[in-house]
Amino acid sequence: MNLLEYLESHKMSQADFCRLTGLNRKTLSCYLSGKRRPSSKHVFLIEQWTNGKVTLRDLMEYAEKNQKK
């Protein structure tokens, strides 16, 4: 499951997720838009907060698929 799917399935806004995780809103937006790949620290944090529903593989595949050139 990618992070956007996770947020939608849990009816959670980006702002809500940022409040829970401590991620910066702009950083999360860059991850979701493909402008940036998540750092290893943030990958671990996202995996923890989603109870493993969004994994390293999910995040990397999503980033690769949506990366802006």
Protein backbone atom coordinates (compact mmCIF):
# COMPACT_ATOMS: atom_id res chain seq x y z
CA MET A 1 0.00 0.00 0.00
CA ASN A 2 1.43 3.39 -0.82
CA LEU A 3 1.26 6.27 1.62
CA LEU A 4 -1.41 8.16 -0.28
CA GLU A 5 -3.64 5.06 -0.28
CA TYR A 6 -2.99 4.68 3.44
CA LEU A 7 -4.02 8.27 4.16
CA GLU A 8 -7.17 7.94 2.03
CA SER A 9 -8.19 4.59 3.54
CA HIS A 10 -7.80 6.00 7.05
CA LYS A 11 -9.54 9.27 6.11
CA MET A 12 -6.45 11.10 7.31
CA SER A 13 -5.23 14.40 5.95
CA GLN A 14 -1.58 15.12 5.28
CA ALA A 15 -1.71 17.61 8.15
CA ASP A 16 -3.06 14.95 10.53
CA PHE A 17 -0.33 12.51 9.53
CA CYS A 18 2.32 15.19 10.03
CA ARG A 19 1.00 15.99 13.50
CA LEU A 20 1.13 12.31 14.45
CA THR A 21 4.58 11.60 13.04
CA GLY A 22 6.33 14.94 13.43
CA LEU A 23 7.07 15.07 9.70
CA ASN A 24 7.20 18.49 8.10
CA ARG A 25 4.17 19.13 5.86
CA LYS A 26 6.30 20.29 2.94
CA THR A 27 8.50 17.19 3.24
CA LEU A 28 5.47 14.90 3.18
CA SER A 29 4.05 16.77 0.21
CA CYS A 30 7.35 16.31 -1.66
CA TYR A 31 7.27 12.57 -0.92
CA LEU A 32 3.71 12.25 -2.18
CA SER A 33 4.34 14.31 -5.32
CA GLY A 34 7.55 12.48 -6.21
CA LYS A 35 9.80 15.50 -5.81
CA ARG A 36 11.83 13.73 -3.12
CA ARG A 37 12.47 10.21 -1.90
CA PRO A 38 12.00 9.58 1.82
CA SER A 39 15.12 9.50 3.96
CA SER A 40 15.88 6.24 5.77
CA LYS A 41 14.88 7.92 9.04
CA HIS A 42 11.49 8.90 7.60
CA VAL A 43 10.96 5.49 5.98
CA PHE A 44 11.36 3.89 9.41
CA LEU A 45 9.03 6.46 10.98
CA ILE A 46 6.35 5.98 8.32
CA GLU A 47 6.57 2.20 8.59
CA GLN A 48 6.17 2.45 12.37
CA TRP A 49 3.21 4.85 12.30
CA THR A 50 1.38 2.84 9.66
CA ASN A 51 1.96 -0.41 11.58
CA GLY A 52 3.87 -1.83 8.63
CA LYS A 53 1.10 -1.18 6.12
CA VAL A 54 3.40 1.20 4.21
CA THR A 55 6.80 -0.43 3.82
CA LEU A 56 10.20 0.61 2.53
CA ARG A 57 9.42 -1.18 -0.73
CA ASP A 58 6.08 0.63 -1.04
CA LEU A 59 7.72 4.00 -0.47
CA MET A 60 10.56 3.38 -2.93
CA GLU A 61 8.28 1.98 -5.65
CA TYR A 62 5.93 4.94 -5.27
CA ALA A 63 8.82 7.41 -5.38
CA GLU A 64 10.28 5.79 -8.48
CA LYS A 65 6.92 5.67 -10.25
CA ASN A 66 6.05 9.28 -9.42
CA GLN A 67 9.46 10.92 -9.49
CA LYS A 68 9.48 14.27 -11.28
CA LYS A 69 12.23 14.65 -13.84
